[in-house]
Amino acid sequence: MTTPAAPASEPAPAPRPRGLMDRFIDTIEWVAAILVGLVAADIFLAVLLRNLFSTAIPDSFNFGQFLLGILIFWGIAATSYRGTHITVDRVWANVGPRMQRVIDVFATLVLLFVVTVQTYTLFDKVATTRADNVLTFELHIPVWPFFAVAWAGDVSAVILIAIRTRSEERRVGKE
C-alpha cells in the first residue's frame, strides 16, 4: 500500500524587515548586556586576585560602581520602550481595553516626567563632576566620562519613553 504524498506546504512568510527603531533598541540592549559582562568580569577578577594572589586591580571598586551605575541607566532605557519591566496593577487588570490604554498613557507620561527630571539632574552631576575635576583614588582617572555614559543611557530612555508615549496615545485614539 502506498502512502499519499504530503501536500506542498506554503512558503513561510518573509520576516518583517527590522526598522531603525528595532536596531536602536537592539543596540541599547547589547550595550546593557556588555555592561553586565564587564561588571561580572570586574567582580570575578577582583575576588580572584584578592583571594589567590593577595593583590587588587587598582580602582576596581570605583570601576565596578561606575559600570553598575551605567548599567542601571542603560537598563532603564532598554526596559522603558518595550514595557518589559515588572508591573503589578489591580485597577488596570479590572477595566476594559480602552481604559487600560488610558492608564498606560498616564503611567508612561509619569515615567517620562520622572526620567526627564532624572536626566536633567544627572547632566548637572556630569557638568559639576567635570568642573570639579573629580578623579579616581588610585589611577587618577577623571570620573565625569563614566557619568556621561550613564547620562547618555538616561537620554536614550527619555527618547524611547517619549516614542512609547506617542504610540500609546495613537492606540487610545484609534479605539
N, C-alpha and C. Protein backbone atom coordinates (compact mmCIF):
# COMPACT_ATOMS: atom_id res chain seq x y z
N MET A 1 0.84 -1.16 0.00
CA MET A 1 0.00 0.00 0.00
C MET A 1 0.89 1.23 0.00
N THR A 2 0.56 2.19 -0.81
CA THR A 2 1.37 3.40 -0.90
C THR A 2 0.74 4.52 -0.08
N THR A 3 1.57 5.34 0.45
CA THR A 3 1.07 6.47 1.22
C THR A 3 0.97 7.68 0.31
N PRO A 4 -0.08 8.47 0.50
CA PRO A 4 -0.22 9.65 -0.35
C PRO A 4 0.90 10.64 -0.07
N ALA A 5 1.26 11.37 -1.09
CA ALA A 5 2.32 12.37 -0.95
C ALA A 5 1.82 13.52 -0.07
N ALA A 6 2.69 14.02 0.71
CA ALA A 6 2.34 15.15 1.59
C ALA A 6 2.07 16.38 0.73
N PRO A 7 1.03 17.13 1.07
CA PRO A 7 0.73 18.32 0.27
C PRO A 7 1.88 19.32 0.37
N ALA A 8 2.07 20.04 -0.71
CA ALA A 8 3.13 21.05 -0.73
C ALA A 8 2.79 22.13 0.31
N SER A 9 3.73 22.42 1.12
CA SER A 9 3.47 23.42 2.16
C SER A 9 3.68 24.83 1.60
N GLU A 10 2.96 25.73 2.20
CA GLU A 10 3.09 27.13 1.82
C GLU A 10 4.46 27.63 2.25
N PRO A 11 5.07 28.47 1.46
CA PRO A 11 6.36 29.01 1.90
C PRO A 11 6.13 29.92 3.12
N ALA A 12 7.08 29.87 4.00
CA ALA A 12 6.98 30.69 5.21
C ALA A 12 7.03 32.17 4.82
N PRO A 13 6.22 32.99 5.49
CA PRO A 13 6.27 34.41 5.16
C PRO A 13 7.65 35.00 5.49
N ALA A 14 8.04 35.95 4.69
CA ALA A 14 9.33 36.59 4.91
C ALA A 14 9.30 37.34 6.24
N PRO A 15 10.38 37.29 6.98
CA PRO A 15 10.39 38.01 8.26
C PRO A 15 10.23 39.51 8.02
N ARG A 16 9.60 40.15 8.99
CA ARG A 16 9.38 41.58 8.90
C ARG A 16 10.73 42.28 8.89
N PRO A 17 10.92 43.21 7.96
CA PRO A 17 12.21 43.91 7.96
C PRO A 17 12.38 44.72 9.24
N ARG A 18 13.57 44.68 9.77
CA ARG A 18 13.83 45.38 11.02
C ARG A 18 14.08 46.84 10.72
N GLY A 19 13.29 47.66 11.37
CA GLY A 19 13.39 49.09 11.15
C GLY A 19 14.47 49.73 12.00
N LEU A 20 14.59 51.01 11.83
CA LEU A 20 15.59 51.78 12.57
C LEU A 20 15.36 51.68 14.07
N MET A 21 14.09 51.73 14.48
CA MET A 21 13.78 51.67 15.91
C MET A 21 14.19 50.33 16.50
N ASP A 22 13.90 49.24 15.80
CA ASP A 22 14.30 47.92 16.29
C ASP A 22 15.82 47.82 16.45
N ARG A 23 16.54 48.35 15.48
CA ARG A 23 18.01 48.32 15.57
C ARG A 23 18.51 49.19 16.71
N PHE A 24 17.86 50.33 16.95
CA PHE A 24 18.24 51.21 18.06
C PHE A 24 18.02 50.50 19.39
N ILE A 25 16.86 49.86 19.55
CA ILE A 25 16.57 49.12 20.79
C ILE A 25 17.56 47.98 20.96
N ASP A 26 17.83 47.25 19.89
CA ASP A 26 18.79 46.14 19.97
C ASP A 26 20.16 46.63 20.40
N THR A 27 20.57 47.79 19.89
CA THR A 27 21.87 48.36 20.27
C THR A 27 21.89 48.68 21.75
N ILE A 28 20.82 49.27 22.25
CA ILE A 28 20.74 49.60 23.67
C ILE A 28 20.81 48.32 24.51
N GLU A 29 20.10 47.29 24.08
CA GLU A 29 20.13 46.04 24.82
C GLU A 29 21.52 45.40 24.79
N TRP A 30 22.22 45.51 23.67
CA TRP A 30 23.57 44.98 23.58
C TRP A 30 24.52 45.75 24.50
N VAL A 31 24.37 47.08 24.54
CA VAL A 31 25.20 47.88 25.44
C VAL A 31 24.97 47.43 26.88
N ALA A 32 23.71 47.27 27.26
CA ALA A 32 23.40 46.81 28.63
C ALA A 32 23.97 45.43 28.88
N ALA A 33 23.87 44.54 27.91
CA ALA A 33 24.40 43.18 28.08
C ALA A 33 25.92 43.19 28.23
N ILE A 34 26.59 44.00 27.44
CA ILE A 34 28.06 44.10 27.54
C ILE A 34 28.45 44.64 28.92
N LEU A 35 27.68 45.61 29.40
CA LEU A 35 27.98 46.18 30.71
C LEU A 35 27.78 45.15 31.84
N VAL A 36 26.77 44.30 31.71
CA VAL A 36 26.58 43.23 32.69
C VAL A 36 27.82 42.33 32.70
N GLY A 37 28.31 42.00 31.52
CA GLY A 37 29.52 41.18 31.42
C GLY A 37 30.74 41.85 32.03
N LEU A 38 30.87 43.15 31.79
CA LEU A 38 32.01 43.88 32.36
C LEU A 38 31.94 43.95 33.88
N VAL A 39 30.75 44.19 34.41
CA VAL A 39 30.59 44.23 35.87
C VAL A 39 30.92 42.85 36.46
N ALA A 40 30.41 41.80 35.84
CA ALA A 40 30.69 40.45 36.34
C ALA A 40 32.18 40.13 36.25
N ALA A 41 32.81 40.50 35.15
CA ALA A 41 34.25 40.23 34.99
C ALA A 41 35.06 41.02 36.02
N ASP A 42 34.69 42.27 36.25
CA ASP A 42 35.39 43.10 37.25
C ASP A 42 35.30 42.46 38.63
N ILE A 43 34.11 42.05 39.01
CA ILE A 43 33.92 41.44 40.33
C ILE A 43 34.68 40.12 40.42
N PHE A 44 34.56 39.28 39.39
CA PHE A 44 35.22 37.98 39.38
C PHE A 44 36.74 38.14 39.49
N LEU A 45 37.30 39.02 38.66
CA LEU A 45 38.75 39.20 38.69
C LEU A 45 39.22 39.80 40.01
N ALA A 46 38.48 40.74 40.55
CA ALA A 46 38.87 41.35 41.83
C ALA A 46 38.89 40.30 42.94
N VAL A 47 37.88 39.46 42.99
CA VAL A 47 37.83 38.41 44.02
C VAL A 47 38.93 37.39 43.80
N LEU A 48 39.12 36.99 42.55
CA LEU A 48 40.15 36.00 42.22
C LEU A 48 41.54 36.52 42.59
N LEU A 49 41.86 37.74 42.20
CA LEU A 49 43.17 38.29 42.51
C LEU A 49 43.37 38.49 44.01
N ARG A 50 42.32 38.94 44.69
CA ARG A 50 42.43 39.18 46.13
C ARG A 50 42.64 37.86 46.89
N ASN A 51 41.88 36.82 46.52
CA ASN A 51 41.94 35.56 47.27
C ASN A 51 43.13 34.68 46.88
N LEU A 52 43.52 34.70 45.61
CA LEU A 52 44.61 33.82 45.18
C LEU A 52 45.99 34.48 45.23
N PHE A 53 46.04 35.78 44.96
CA PHE A 53 47.35 36.43 44.84
C PHE A 53 47.54 37.60 45.82
N SER A 54 46.57 37.83 46.68
CA SER A 54 46.64 38.91 47.66
C SER A 54 46.98 40.26 47.01
N THR A 55 46.37 40.51 45.90
CA THR A 55 46.56 41.78 45.19
C THR A 55 45.21 42.26 44.69
N ALA A 56 45.20 43.46 44.17
CA ALA A 56 43.93 44.01 43.70
C ALA A 56 44.13 44.79 42.40
N ILE A 57 43.07 44.90 41.65
CA ILE A 57 43.07 45.74 40.46
C ILE A 57 42.92 47.18 40.95
N PRO A 58 43.81 48.08 40.55
CA PRO A 58 43.67 49.46 41.01
C PRO A 58 42.31 50.05 40.60
N ASP A 59 41.67 50.71 41.53
CA ASP A 59 40.36 51.36 41.32
C ASP A 59 39.26 50.38 40.90
N SER A 60 39.44 49.11 41.19
CA SER A 60 38.44 48.11 40.81
C SER A 60 37.08 48.42 41.42
N PHE A 61 37.06 48.83 42.67
CA PHE A 61 35.81 49.14 43.33
C PHE A 61 35.12 50.31 42.64
N ASN A 62 35.90 51.36 42.33
CA ASN A 62 35.33 52.51 41.63
C ASN A 62 34.79 52.12 40.25
N PHE A 63 35.58 51.34 39.51
CA PHE A 63 35.12 50.92 38.18
C PHE A 63 33.85 50.09 38.29
N GLY A 64 33.78 49.23 39.28
CA GLY A 64 32.57 48.44 39.49
C GLY A 64 31.36 49.31 39.76
N GLN A 65 31.55 50.32 40.61
CA GLN A 65 30.46 51.25 40.90
C GLN A 65 30.03 52.01 39.65
N PHE A 66 31.00 52.52 38.92
CA PHE A 66 30.67 53.31 37.73
C PHE A 66 29.97 52.45 36.68
N LEU A 67 30.49 51.25 36.45
CA LEU A 67 29.87 50.37 35.46
C LEU A 67 28.48 49.95 35.88
N LEU A 68 28.29 49.73 37.17
CA LEU A 68 26.96 49.37 37.66
C LEU A 68 25.97 50.52 37.48
N GLY A 69 26.43 51.74 37.76
CA GLY A 69 25.58 52.91 37.52
C GLY A 69 25.22 53.06 36.05
N ILE A 70 26.20 52.89 35.19
CA ILE A 70 25.95 52.96 33.75
C ILE A 70 24.96 51.87 33.35
N LEU A 71 25.17 50.68 33.86
CA LEU A 71 24.28 49.56 33.56
C LEU A 71 22.84 49.86 33.97
N ILE A 72 22.66 50.46 35.11
CA ILE A 72 21.30 50.78 35.58
C ILE A 72 20.61 51.73 34.62
N PHE A 73 21.30 52.80 34.22
CA PHE A 73 20.66 53.78 33.34
C PHE A 73 20.40 53.21 31.94
N TRP A 74 21.32 52.42 31.41
CA TRP A 74 21.07 51.79 30.11
C TRP A 74 20.00 50.71 30.23
N GLY A 75 19.92 50.06 31.38
CA GLY A 75 18.85 49.08 31.62
C GLY A 75 17.49 49.74 31.66
N ILE A 76 17.42 50.93 32.26
CA ILE A 76 16.16 51.68 32.24
C ILE A 76 15.75 51.97 30.81
N ALA A 77 16.72 52.36 30.00
CA ALA A 77 16.43 52.64 28.59
C ALA A 77 15.92 51.39 27.87
N ALA A 78 16.56 50.26 28.14
CA ALA A 78 16.18 49.02 27.45
C ALA A 78 14.77 48.56 27.82
N THR A 79 14.40 48.71 29.09
CA THR A 79 13.08 48.22 29.52
C THR A 79 11.97 49.23 29.29
N SER A 80 12.30 50.49 29.17
CA SER A 80 11.27 51.53 29.08
C SER A 80 10.45 51.47 27.80
N TYR A 81 11.09 51.23 26.69
CA TYR A 81 10.37 51.26 25.41
C TYR A 81 9.41 50.10 25.27
N ARG A 82 9.90 48.92 25.57
CA ARG A 82 9.07 47.73 25.36
C ARG A 82 8.11 47.48 26.52
N GLY A 83 8.30 48.18 27.61
CA GLY A 83 7.43 47.99 28.77
C GLY A 83 7.61 46.63 29.40
N THR A 84 8.83 46.12 29.36
CA THR A 84 9.08 44.78 29.88
C THR A 84 9.49 44.79 31.35
N HIS A 85 9.40 45.94 31.99
CA HIS A 85 9.71 45.99 33.41
C HIS A 85 8.54 45.37 34.19
N ILE A 86 8.78 45.05 35.42
CA ILE A 86 7.78 44.37 36.26
C ILE A 86 6.70 45.37 36.65
N THR A 87 5.47 44.99 36.42
CA THR A 87 4.35 45.86 36.81
C THR A 87 3.28 45.01 37.50
N VAL A 88 2.63 45.61 38.48
CA VAL A 88 1.52 44.98 39.16
C VAL A 88 0.45 46.05 39.30
N ASP A 89 -0.72 45.81 38.72
CA ASP A 89 -1.75 46.84 38.77
C ASP A 89 -3.12 46.18 38.78
N ARG A 90 -3.75 46.18 39.92
CA ARG A 90 -5.07 45.57 40.06
C ARG A 90 -6.15 46.38 39.35
N VAL A 91 -6.01 47.69 39.36
CA VAL A 91 -7.00 48.53 38.68
C VAL A 91 -6.97 48.26 37.18
N TRP A 92 -5.77 48.26 36.60
CA TRP A 92 -5.60 48.06 35.16
C TRP A 92 -6.20 46.73 34.72
N ALA A 93 -6.01 45.70 35.52
CA ALA A 93 -6.48 44.36 35.16
C ALA A 93 -8.01 44.25 35.20
N ASN A 94 -8.66 45.16 35.89
CA ASN A 94 -10.11 45.06 36.07
C ASN A 94 -10.91 46.09 35.30
N VAL A 95 -10.29 46.74 34.31
CA VAL A 95 -11.02 47.69 33.46
C VAL A 95 -10.96 47.20 32.02
N GLY A 96 -11.75 47.84 31.18
CA GLY A 96 -11.80 47.45 29.77
C GLY A 96 -10.55 47.86 29.01
N PRO A 97 -10.43 47.38 27.77
CA PRO A 97 -9.23 47.66 26.97
C PRO A 97 -8.97 49.15 26.74
N ARG A 98 -10.03 49.92 26.48
CA ARG A 98 -9.82 51.35 26.23
C ARG A 98 -9.29 52.04 27.49
N MET A 99 -9.86 51.74 28.63
CA MET A 99 -9.39 52.35 29.87
C MET A 99 -7.98 51.86 30.22
N GLN A 100 -7.65 50.63 29.85
CA GLN A 100 -6.29 50.15 30.06
C GLN A 100 -5.30 51.00 29.27
N ARG A 101 -5.66 51.34 28.04
CA ARG A 101 -4.79 52.19 27.21
C ARG A 101 -4.64 53.58 27.83
N VAL A 102 -5.74 54.12 28.38
CA VAL A 102 -5.67 55.44 29.02
C VAL A 102 -4.73 55.38 30.23
N ILE A 103 -4.85 54.32 31.02
CA ILE A 103 -3.96 54.14 32.17
C ILE A 103 -2.52 54.00 31.69
N ASP A 104 -2.31 53.25 30.61
CA ASP A 104 -0.96 53.09 30.06
C ASP A 104 -0.36 54.43 29.65
N VAL A 105 -1.15 55.27 28.99
CA VAL A 105 -0.66 56.59 28.57
C VAL A 105 -0.31 57.42 29.79
N PHE A 106 -1.19 57.44 30.79
CA PHE A 106 -0.93 58.22 32.00
C PHE A 106 0.35 57.73 32.69
N ALA A 107 0.48 56.42 32.85
CA ALA A 107 1.66 55.86 33.52
C ALA A 107 2.93 56.17 32.74
N THR A 108 2.84 56.10 31.43
CA THR A 108 4.01 56.38 30.60
C THR A 108 4.38 57.86 30.67
N LEU A 109 3.38 58.74 30.75
CA LEU A 109 3.66 60.18 30.91
C LEU A 109 4.34 60.46 32.26
N VAL A 110 3.88 59.80 33.31
CA VAL A 110 4.53 59.97 34.62
C VAL A 110 5.97 59.48 34.55
N LEU A 111 6.18 58.32 33.93
CA LEU A 111 7.53 57.78 33.77
C LEU A 111 8.39 58.75 32.96
N LEU A 112 7.84 59.30 31.90
CA LEU A 112 8.57 60.26 31.07
C LEU A 112 8.99 61.48 31.89
N PHE A 113 8.08 61.99 32.70
CA PHE A 113 8.40 63.15 33.53
C PHE A 113 9.52 62.82 34.51
N VAL A 114 9.39 61.71 35.20
CA VAL A 114 10.39 61.34 36.22
C VAL A 114 11.76 61.12 35.59
N VAL A 115 11.81 60.41 34.49
CA VAL A 115 13.10 60.12 33.85
C VAL A 115 13.69 61.39 33.24
N THR A 116 12.85 62.30 32.75
CA THR A 116 13.35 63.56 32.21
C THR A 116 14.00 64.40 33.31
N VAL A 117 13.36 64.48 34.47
CA VAL A 117 13.95 65.21 35.60
C VAL A 117 15.24 64.53 36.04
N GLN A 118 15.23 63.22 36.08
CA GLN A 118 16.43 62.46 36.44
C GLN A 118 17.56 62.75 35.44
N THR A 119 17.23 62.82 34.16
CA THR A 119 18.22 63.10 33.13
C THR A 119 18.82 64.49 33.31
N TYR A 120 17.97 65.45 33.64
CA TYR A 120 18.45 66.81 33.88
C TYR A 120 19.41 66.84 35.06
N THR A 121 19.03 66.19 36.15
CA THR A 121 19.89 66.21 37.34
C THR A 121 21.19 65.44 37.10
N LEU A 122 21.12 64.37 36.32
CA LEU A 122 22.34 63.62 36.03
C LEU A 122 23.27 64.44 35.13
N PHE A 123 22.70 65.22 34.21
CA PHE A 123 23.55 66.10 33.40
C PHE A 123 24.26 67.12 34.29
N ASP A 124 23.54 67.64 35.27
CA ASP A 124 24.15 68.57 36.22
C ASP A 124 25.29 67.89 36.97
N LYS A 125 25.10 66.63 37.33
CA LYS A 125 26.15 65.87 38.02
C LYS A 125 27.37 65.69 37.10
N VAL A 126 27.13 65.41 35.83
CA VAL A 126 28.24 65.27 34.87
C VAL A 126 29.01 66.59 34.78
N ALA A 127 28.28 67.69 34.65
CA ALA A 127 28.92 69.00 34.49
C ALA A 127 29.71 69.40 35.74
N THR A 128 29.13 69.21 36.92
CA THR A 128 29.84 69.61 38.13
C THR A 128 31.03 68.69 38.42
N THR A 129 30.89 67.41 38.11
CA THR A 129 32.00 66.48 38.31
C THR A 129 33.16 66.83 37.39
N ARG A 130 32.83 67.23 36.17
CA ARG A 130 33.88 67.64 35.23
C ARG A 130 34.52 68.95 35.68
N ALA A 131 33.71 69.91 36.09
CA ALA A 131 34.24 71.20 36.53
C ALA A 131 35.10 71.07 37.78
N ASP A 132 34.72 70.16 38.67
CA ASP A 132 35.48 69.96 39.91
C ASP A 132 36.69 69.05 39.73
N ASN A 133 36.86 68.48 38.53
CA ASN A 133 37.99 67.61 38.21
C ASN A 133 38.09 66.44 39.20
N VAL A 134 36.97 65.76 39.42
CA VAL A 134 36.95 64.61 40.33
C VAL A 134 37.66 63.44 39.63
N LEU A 135 38.59 62.80 40.38
CA LEU A 135 39.39 61.71 39.84
C LEU A 135 39.22 60.47 40.71
N THR A 136 39.52 59.30 40.11
CA THR A 136 39.54 58.08 40.91
C THR A 136 40.72 58.15 41.88
N PHE A 137 40.66 57.34 42.94
CA PHE A 137 41.64 57.46 44.01
C PHE A 137 43.04 56.99 43.61
N GLU A 138 43.12 55.83 42.98
CA GLU A 138 44.44 55.24 42.72
C GLU A 138 45.03 55.62 41.37
N LEU A 139 44.25 55.55 40.32
CA LEU A 139 44.78 55.81 38.98
C LEU A 139 44.58 57.25 38.51
N HIS A 140 43.84 58.01 39.29
CA HIS A 140 43.58 59.42 38.97
C HIS A 140 42.96 59.60 37.59
N ILE A 141 41.98 58.75 37.30
CA ILE A 141 41.22 58.84 36.04
C ILE A 141 40.01 59.74 36.28
N PRO A 142 39.73 60.65 35.36
CA PRO A 142 38.54 61.51 35.54
C PRO A 142 37.26 60.67 35.63
N VAL A 143 36.38 61.06 36.52
CA VAL A 143 35.14 60.33 36.79
C VAL A 143 34.03 60.74 35.83
N TRP A 144 34.06 61.99 35.36
CA TRP A 144 32.94 62.51 34.58
C TRP A 144 32.62 61.70 33.32
N PRO A 145 33.59 61.09 32.61
CA PRO A 145 33.19 60.31 31.43
C PRO A 145 32.27 59.13 31.77
N PHE A 146 32.47 58.52 32.93
CA PHE A 146 31.58 57.43 33.35
C PHE A 146 30.17 57.97 33.57
N PHE A 147 30.10 59.13 34.22
CA PHE A 147 28.79 59.76 34.44
C PHE A 147 28.16 60.16 33.11
N ALA A 148 28.98 60.59 32.16
CA ALA A 148 28.45 60.99 30.85
C ALA A 148 27.87 59.80 30.10
N VAL A 149 28.50 58.65 30.21
CA VAL A 149 27.96 57.46 29.54
C VAL A 149 26.65 57.04 30.20
N ALA A 150 26.57 57.15 31.52
CA ALA A 150 25.31 56.88 32.22
C ALA A 150 24.24 57.87 31.77
N TRP A 151 24.60 59.13 31.65
CA TRP A 151 23.67 60.17 31.20
C TRP A 151 23.17 59.86 29.79
N ALA A 152 24.05 59.37 28.92
CA ALA A 152 23.62 59.01 27.56
C ALA A 152 22.57 57.90 27.59
N GLY A 153 22.73 56.96 28.51
CA GLY A 153 21.70 55.93 28.68
C GLY A 153 20.39 56.52 29.14
N ASP A 154 20.47 57.50 30.03
CA ASP A 154 19.27 58.17 30.51
C ASP A 154 18.59 58.97 29.39
N VAL A 155 19.40 59.64 28.57
CA VAL A 155 18.84 60.36 27.41
C VAL A 155 18.14 59.38 26.47
N SER A 156 18.75 58.23 26.26
CA SER A 156 18.11 57.20 25.43
C SER A 156 16.78 56.77 26.03
N ALA A 157 16.74 56.65 27.34
CA ALA A 157 15.49 56.27 28.00
C ALA A 157 14.41 57.33 27.76
N VAL A 158 14.78 58.61 27.87
CA VAL A 158 13.79 59.68 27.64
C VAL A 158 13.26 59.62 26.21
N ILE A 159 14.15 59.44 25.26
CA ILE A 159 13.73 59.37 23.85
C ILE A 159 12.79 58.18 23.65
N LEU A 160 13.16 57.03 24.18
CA LEU A 160 12.35 55.83 23.98
C LEU A 160 11.01 55.93 24.70
N ILE A 161 11.00 56.53 25.89
CA ILE A 161 9.73 56.68 26.61
C ILE A 161 8.83 57.66 25.86
N ALA A 162 9.40 58.71 25.29
CA ALA A 162 8.60 59.67 24.51
C ALA A 162 7.99 58.98 23.29
N ILE A 163 8.76 58.15 22.63
CA ILE A 163 8.24 57.42 21.46
C ILE A 163 7.15 56.45 21.91
N ARG A 164 7.38 55.77 23.01
CA ARG A 164 6.37 54.84 23.53
C ARG A 164 5.09 55.57 23.92
N THR A 165 5.24 56.74 24.54
CA THR A 165 4.07 57.53 24.93
C THR A 165 3.26 57.90 23.69
N ARG A 166 3.95 58.32 22.65
CA ARG A 166 3.26 58.72 21.41
C ARG A 166 2.53 57.52 20.80
N SER A 167 3.15 56.36 20.79
CA SER A 167 2.49 55.19 20.22
C SER A 167 1.30 54.76 21.08
N GLU A 168 1.41 54.90 22.41
CA GLU A 168 0.28 54.59 23.29
C GLU A 168 -0.87 55.55 23.03
N GLU A 169 -0.55 56.85 22.86
CA GLU A 169 -1.60 57.84 22.57
C GLU A 169 -2.33 57.50 21.28
N ARG A 170 -1.59 57.08 20.28
CA ARG A 170 -2.19 56.72 18.98
C ARG A 170 -3.13 55.54 19.13
N ARG A 171 -2.75 54.58 19.95
CA ARG A 171 -3.61 53.41 20.14
C ARG A 171 -4.90 53.80 20.85
N VAL A 172 -4.82 54.72 21.81
CA VAL A 172 -6.02 55.18 22.50
C VAL A 172 -6.92 55.91 21.52
N GLY A 173 -6.34 56.73 20.65
CA GLY A 173 -7.12 57.48 19.66
C GLY A 173 -7.82 56.59 18.66
N LYS A 174 -7.28 55.42 18.38
CA LYS A 174 -7.88 54.52 17.39
C LYS A 174 -9.02 53.69 17.98
N GLU A 175 -9.05 53.56 19.29
CA GLU A 175 -10.08 52.71 19.91
C GLU A 175 -11.35 53.48 20.15
